[in-house]
C-alpha atoms as a PDB file:
ATOM      1  CA  MET A   1     247.077 113.885 108.808  1.00  0.00           C
ATOM      2  CA  THR A   2     246.472 111.318 111.490  1.00  0.00           C
ATOM      3  CA  GLU A   3     247.990 113.024 114.530  1.00  0.00           C
ATOM      4  CA  GLN A   4     246.288 115.828 116.420  1.00  0.00           C
ATOM      5  CA  LEU A   5     247.023 119.233 114.910  1.00  0.00           C
ATOM      6  CA  SER A   6     248.215 122.106 117.050  1.00  0.00           C
ATOM      7  CA  ALA A   7     247.487 125.794 116.652  1.00  0.00           C
ATOM      8  CA  ASP A   8     251.084 126.119 115.427  1.00  0.00           C
ATOM      9  CA  ASP A   9     250.383 123.601 112.642  1.00  0.00           C
ATOM     10  CA  TRP A  10     247.497 125.789 111.464  1.00  0.00           C
ATOM     11  CA  ILE A  11     249.624 128.934 111.679  1.00  0.00           C
ATOM     12  CA  LYS A  12     252.404 127.298 109.646  1.00  0.00           C
ATOM     13  CA  GLU A  13     249.869 126.236 107.015  1.00  0.00           C
ATOM     14  CA  GLY A  14     248.467 129.765 107.064  1.00  0.00           C
ATOM     15  CA  ILE A  15     251.919 131.262 106.464  1.00  0.00           C
ATOM     16  CA  LYS A  16     252.442 128.827 103.589  1.00  0.00           C
ATOM     17  CA  ALA A  17     249.048 129.647 102.049  1.00  0.00           C
ATOM     18  CA  LEU A  18     249.574 133.389 102.529  1.00  0.00           C
ATOM     19  CA  THR A  19     252.960 133.211 100.822  1.00  0.00           C
ATOM     20  CA  LYS A  20     251.694 131.142  97.910  1.00  0.00           C
ATOM     21  CA  SER A  21     248.171 132.461  97.344  1.00  0.00           C
ATOM     22  CA  GLY A  22     247.738 135.689  99.290  1.00  0.00           C
ATOM     23  CA  PHE A  23     245.523 136.676 102.187  1.00  0.00           C
ATOM     24  CA  THR A  24     242.314 135.459 100.568  1.00  0.00           C
ATOM     25  CA  ALA A  25     243.575 131.896 101.160  1.00  0.00           C
ATOM     26  CA  LEU A  26     243.479 132.401 104.935  1.00  0.00           C
ATOM     27  CA  LYS A  27     240.114 130.727 105.459  1.00  0.00           C
ATOM     28  CA  ALA A  28     239.149 127.602 107.383  1.00  0.00           C
ATOM     29  CA  ASP A  29     237.775 125.639 104.386  1.00  0.00           C
ATOM     30  CA  PRO A  30     240.745 125.794 101.999  1.00  0.00           C
ATOM     31  CA  LEU A  31     243.242 125.375 104.836  1.00  0.00           C
ATOM     32  CA  SER A  32     241.445 122.350 106.295  1.00  0.00           C
ATOM     33  CA  LYS A  33     241.262 120.759 102.824  1.00  0.00           C
ATOM     34  CA  ALA A  34     244.976 121.372 102.271  1.00  0.00           C
ATOM     35  CA  MET A  35     245.710 119.751 105.626  1.00  0.00           C
ATOM     36  CA  GLY A  36     243.298 116.859 105.088  1.00  0.00           C
ATOM     37  CA  VAL A  37     241.175 117.549 108.177  1.00  0.00           C
ATOM     38  CA  SER A  38     237.765 118.956 109.009  1.00  0.00           C
ATOM     39  CA  ARG A  39     237.040 122.605 109.754  1.00  0.00           C
ATOM     40  CA  GLY A  40     236.288 121.542 113.307  1.00  0.00           C
ATOM     41  CA  SER A  41     240.011 121.212 113.955  1.00  0.00           C
ATOM     42  CA  PHE A  42     240.466 124.835 112.919  1.00  0.00           C
ATOM     43  CA  TYR A  43     237.736 126.036 115.267  1.00  0.00           C
ATOM     44  CA  TRP A  44     239.104 123.907 118.092  1.00  0.00           C
ATOM     45  CA  HIS A  45     242.179 126.137 118.090  1.00  0.00           C
ATOM     46  CA  PHE A  46     240.787 129.484 116.937  1.00  0.00           C
ATOM     47  CA  ALA A  47     237.556 131.139 118.054  1.00  0.00           C
ATOM     48  CA  ASP A  48     237.125 132.741 114.660  1.00  0.00           C
ATOM     49  CA  LEU A  49     238.966 133.820 111.542  1.00  0.00           C
ATOM     50  CA  GLY A  50     240.086 137.096 113.143  1.00  0.00           C
ATOM     51  CA  THR A  51     241.850 135.208 115.943  1.00  0.00           C
ATOM     52  CA  PHE A  52     243.612 133.056 113.362  1.00  0.00           C
ATOM     53  CA  HIS A  53     244.623 136.076 111.294  1.00  0.00           C
ATOM     54  CA  ALA A  54     246.065 137.725 114.416  1.00  0.00           C
ATOM     55  CA  ALA A  55     248.098 134.576 115.131  1.00  0.00           C
ATOM     56  CA  VAL A  56     249.414 134.485 111.543  1.00  0.00           C
ATOM     57  CA  LEU A  57     250.430 138.139 111.777  1.00  0.00           C
ATOM     58  CA  ARG A  58     252.192 137.539 115.118  1.00  0.00           C
ATOM     59  CA  ARG A  59     254.123 134.673 113.545  1.00  0.00           C
ATOM     60  CA  TRP A  60     255.057 136.848 110.577  1.00  0.00           C
ATOM     61  CA  ARG A  61     256.451 139.476 112.934  1.00  0.00           C
ATOM     62  CA  GLU A  62     258.563 136.785 114.627  1.00  0.00           C
ATOM     63  CA  ILE A  63     259.845 135.470 111.275  1.00  0.00           C
ATOM     64  CA  ALA A  64     260.395 138.844 109.617  1.00  0.00           C
ATOM     65  CA  ALA A  65     262.015 140.711 112.487  1.00  0.00           C
ATOM     66  CA  GLU A  66     262.808 138.913 115.730  1.00  0.00           C
ATOM     67  CA  GLU A  67     264.277 135.743 114.224  1.00  0.00           C
ATOM     68  CA  ILE A  68     266.370 137.719 111.743  1.00  0.00           C
ATOM     69  CA  ILE A  69     267.650 140.088 114.431  1.00  0.00           C
ATOM     70  CA  ALA A  70     268.505 137.177 116.753  1.00  0.00           C
ATOM     71  CA  ARG A  71     270.436 135.408 113.970  1.00  0.00           C
ATOM     72  CA  VAL A  72     272.262 138.570 112.967  1.00  0.00           C
ATOM     73  CA  GLU A  73     273.274 139.240 116.564  1.00  0.00           C
ATOM     74  CA  ALA A  74     274.397 135.653 117.138  1.00  0.00           C
ATOM     75  CA  ASP A  75     276.206 135.098 113.849  1.00  0.00           C
ATOM     76  CA  SER A  76     278.214 138.177 113.228  1.00  0.00           C
ATOM     77  CA  ASP A  77     280.551 140.749 114.621  1.00  0.00           C
ATOM     78  CA  GLU A  78     279.434 142.899 111.664  1.00  0.00           C
ATOM     79  CA  PRO A  79     275.670 142.984 112.236  1.00  0.00           C
ATOM     80  CA  LEU A  80     274.875 145.605 109.586  1.00  0.00           C
ATOM     81  CA  LYS A  81     276.602 143.592 106.868  1.00  0.00           C
ATOM     82  CA  ALA A  82     274.924 140.393 108.099  1.00  0.00           C
ATOM     83  CA  LEU A  83     271.535 142.117 108.184  1.00  0.00           C
ATOM     84  CA  LEU A  84     271.946 143.349 104.613  1.00  0.00           C
ATOM     85  CA  ARG A  85     272.906 139.863 103.419  1.00  0.00           C
ATOM     86  CA  ARG A  86     270.013 138.206 105.241  1.00  0.00           C
ATOM     87  CA  THR A  87     267.308 140.648 104.242  1.00  0.00           C
ATOM     88  CA  PHE A  88     268.270 141.370 100.646  1.00  0.00           C
ATOM     89  CA  GLY A  89     269.288 137.767 100.059  1.00  0.00           C
ATOM     90  CA  ALA A  90     266.047 136.254 101.382  1.00  0.00           C
ATOM     91  CA  ARG A  91     262.980 135.127  99.478  1.00  0.00           C
ATOM     92  CA  LEU A  92     260.533 137.944 100.055  1.00  0.00           C
ATOM     93  CA  ASP A  93     257.251 136.402  98.871  1.00  0.00           C
ATOM     94  CA  LEU A  94     255.835 136.483 102.403  1.00  0.00           C
ATOM     95  CA  GLU A  95     256.833 140.140 102.811  1.00  0.00           C
ATOM     96  CA  ARG A  96     254.971 141.034  99.624  1.00  0.00           C
ATOM     97  CA  ALA A  97     251.929 138.966 100.622  1.00  0.00           C
ATOM     98  CA  VAL A  98     251.600 140.622 104.041  1.00  0.00           C
ATOM     99  CA  ARG A  99     252.033 144.109 102.614  1.00  0.00           C
ATOM    100  CA  ASN A 100     249.367 143.353 100.009  1.00  0.00           C
ATOM    101  CA  TRP A 101     247.081 142.122 102.800  1.00  0.00           C
ATOM    102  CA  ALA A 102     247.722 145.356 104.706  1.00  0.00           C
ATOM    103  CA  ALA A 103     246.243 147.336 101.827  1.00  0.00           C
ATOM    104  CA  PHE A 104     242.883 145.710 102.602  1.00  0.00           C
ATOM    105  CA  ASP A 105     242.927 144.942 106.328  1.00  0.00           C
ATOM    106  CA  ALA A 106     243.423 147.210 109.351  1.00  0.00           C
ATOM    107  CA  ALA A 107     244.961 144.485 111.547  1.00  0.00           C
ATOM    108  CA  ALA A 108     247.499 143.580 108.858  1.00  0.00           C
ATOM    109  CA  GLN A 109     248.226 147.279 108.369  1.00  0.00           C
ATOM    110  CA  ALA A 110     248.900 147.653 112.109  1.00  0.00           C
ATOM    111  CA  ALA A 111     251.229 144.642 112.018  1.00  0.00           C
ATOM    112  CA  VAL A 112     253.140 146.137 109.088  1.00  0.00           C
ATOM    113  CA  ARG A 113     253.488 149.477 110.898  1.00  0.00           C
ATOM    114  CA  ALA A 114     254.756 147.683 114.014  1.00  0.00           C
ATOM    115  CA  ILE A 115     257.341 145.679 112.106  1.00  0.00           C
ATOM    116  CA  ASP A 116     258.458 148.725 110.139  1.00  0.00           C
ATOM    117  CA  ARG A 117     259.044 150.556 113.427  1.00  0.00           C
ATOM    118  CA  ARG A 118     260.905 147.571 114.949  1.00  0.00           C
ATOM    119  CA  ARG A 119     263.141 147.168 111.922  1.00  0.00           C
ATOM    120  CA  LEU A 120     263.873 150.883 111.663  1.00  0.00           C
ATOM    121  CA  ASP A 121     264.730 151.124 115.355  1.00  0.00           C
ATOM    122  CA  TYR A 122     267.105 148.189 114.989  1.00  0.00           C
ATOM    123  CA  VAL A 123     268.888 149.688 111.976  1.00  0.00           C
ATOM    124  CA  VAL A 124     269.152 153.060 113.740  1.00  0.00           C
ATOM    125  CA  ALA A 125     270.786 151.302 116.715  1.00  0.00           C
ATOM    126  CA  LEU A 126     273.251 149.512 114.407  1.00  0.00           C
ATOM    127  CA  LEU A 127     274.225 152.779 112.727  1.00  0.00           C
ATOM    128  CA  GLU A 128     274.600 154.586 116.054  1.00  0.00           C
ATOM    129  CA  LYS A 129     276.893 151.761 117.255  1.00  0.00           C
ATOM    130  CA  ARG A 130     279.039 152.514 114.204  1.00  0.00           C
ATOM    131  CA  GLY A 131     279.398 156.093 115.420  1.00  0.00           C
ATOM    132  CA  LEU A 132     276.752 157.960 113.435  1.00  0.00           C
ATOM    133  CA  ALA A 133     274.953 160.797 115.197  1.00  0.00           C
ATOM    134  CA  PRO A 134     271.337 159.937 116.102  1.00  0.00           C
ATOM    135  CA  ALA A 135     269.770 162.248 113.496  1.00  0.00           C
ATOM    136  CA  THR A 136     272.089 160.945 110.768  1.00  0.00           C
ATOM    137  CA  ALA A 137     271.486 157.348 111.828  1.00  0.00           C
ATOM    138  CA  GLN A 138     267.725 157.940 111.702  1.00  0.00           C
ATOM    139  CA  ALA A 139     267.858 159.478 108.224  1.00  0.00           C
ATOM    140  CA  ARG A 140     270.127 156.800 106.782  1.00  0.00           C
ATOM    141  CA  ALA A 141     268.123 153.996 108.386  1.00  0.00           C
ATOM    142  CA  GLN A 142     264.977 155.373 106.759  1.00  0.00           C
ATOM    143  CA  ILE A 143     266.673 155.579 103.358  1.00  0.00           C
ATOM    144  CA  LEU A 144     268.041 152.051 103.770  1.00  0.00           C
ATOM    145  CA  TYR A 145     264.615 150.769 104.770  1.00  0.00           C
ATOM    146  CA  TRP A 146     262.947 152.406 101.787  1.00  0.00           C
ATOM    147  CA  THR A 147     265.605 150.753  99.620  1.00  0.00           C
ATOM    148  CA  PHE A 148     264.782 147.371 101.158  1.00  0.00           C
ATOM    149  CA  LEU A 149     261.044 147.864 100.639  1.00  0.00           C
ATOM    150  CA  GLY A 150     261.539 148.808  97.005  1.00  0.00           C
ATOM    151  CA  PHE A 151     263.679 145.733  96.513  1.00  0.00           C
ATOM    152  CA  ALA A 152     261.201 143.499  98.355  1.00  0.00           C
ATOM    153  CA  LEU A 153     258.193 144.735  96.447  1.00  0.00           C
ATOM    154  CA  SER A 154     259.861 144.667  93.032  1.00  0.00           C
ATOM    155  CA  ALA A 155     260.454 140.908  93.123  1.00  0.00           C
ATOM    156  CA  ALA A 156     263.146 141.416  90.498  1.00  0.00           C
ATOM    157  CA  PRO A 157     265.744 138.641  90.587  1.00  0.00           C
ATOM    158  CA  VAL A 158     269.311 139.816  91.004  1.00  0.00           C
ATOM    159  CA  PRO A 159     272.252 137.469  90.347  1.00  0.00           C
ATOM    160  CA  ALA A 160     274.202 136.693  93.525  1.00  0.00           C
ATOM    161  CA  ALA A 161     277.452 138.361  92.416  1.00  0.00           C
ATOM    162  CA  ARG A 162     275.626 141.538  91.405  1.00  0.00           C
ATOM    163  CA  LEU A 163     273.600 141.536  94.612  1.00  0.00           C
ATOM    164  CA  GLN A 164     276.769 141.325  96.712  1.00  0.00           C
ATOM    165  CA  GLY A 165     278.227 144.311  94.874  1.00  0.00           C
ATOM    166  CA  LEU A 166     275.033 146.288  95.455  1.00  0.00           C
ATOM    167  CA  LEU A 167     275.013 145.372  99.147  1.00  0.00           C
ATOM    168  CA  ASP A 168     278.637 146.468  99.512  1.00  0.00           C
ATOM    169  CA  GLU A 169     277.728 149.801  97.915  1.00  0.00           C
ATOM    170  CA  ILE A 170     274.638 150.218 100.118  1.00  0.00           C
ATOM    171  CA  GLU A 171     276.740 149.560 103.220  1.00  0.00           C
ATOM    172  CA  ARG A 172     279.305 152.164 102.120  1.00  0.00           C
ATOM    173  CA  MET A 173     276.547 154.712 101.439  1.00  0.00           C
ATOM    174  CA  VAL A 174     274.795 154.361 104.789  1.00  0.00           C
ATOM    175  CA  THR A 175     277.917 154.196 106.936  1.00  0.00           C
ATOM    176  CA  ALA A 176     280.145 156.787 105.215  1.00  0.00           C
END
């Protein structure tokens, strides 16, 4: 790379490496080699590896919650259906990589807990907007979220037509 790298360039490369190779790839040496620059560029932007890891986790939270929620809210008058399509229809390699990282790292674990809470709160709000009582919305949101996590962590491919049928059934179950 001939142009000056930004912190965002490093974070994007970190997300890519995390998705492909797991959290052990989030080190200055392999990242700088992949980007064709010296480690000095890394340390120009990040005081240490912990600072970089925190930035990668912040970006993951943006990608895995805030960006999805913003798109769902902007694109659809049926946000629950849109959320199901987006989340169950997405590639979930990054989700699996971060959750694996969380098994070994307290900061990653805290990020996972924060995103779980954010996602659950959002689903509860969607179900309450559909008229479910708060306690029912909370219970069904939790069940739906556990379903998503099982799907995400299984990495089992599901043909598109079958997936749509499953999503229709999940929507009926949580909103009935």
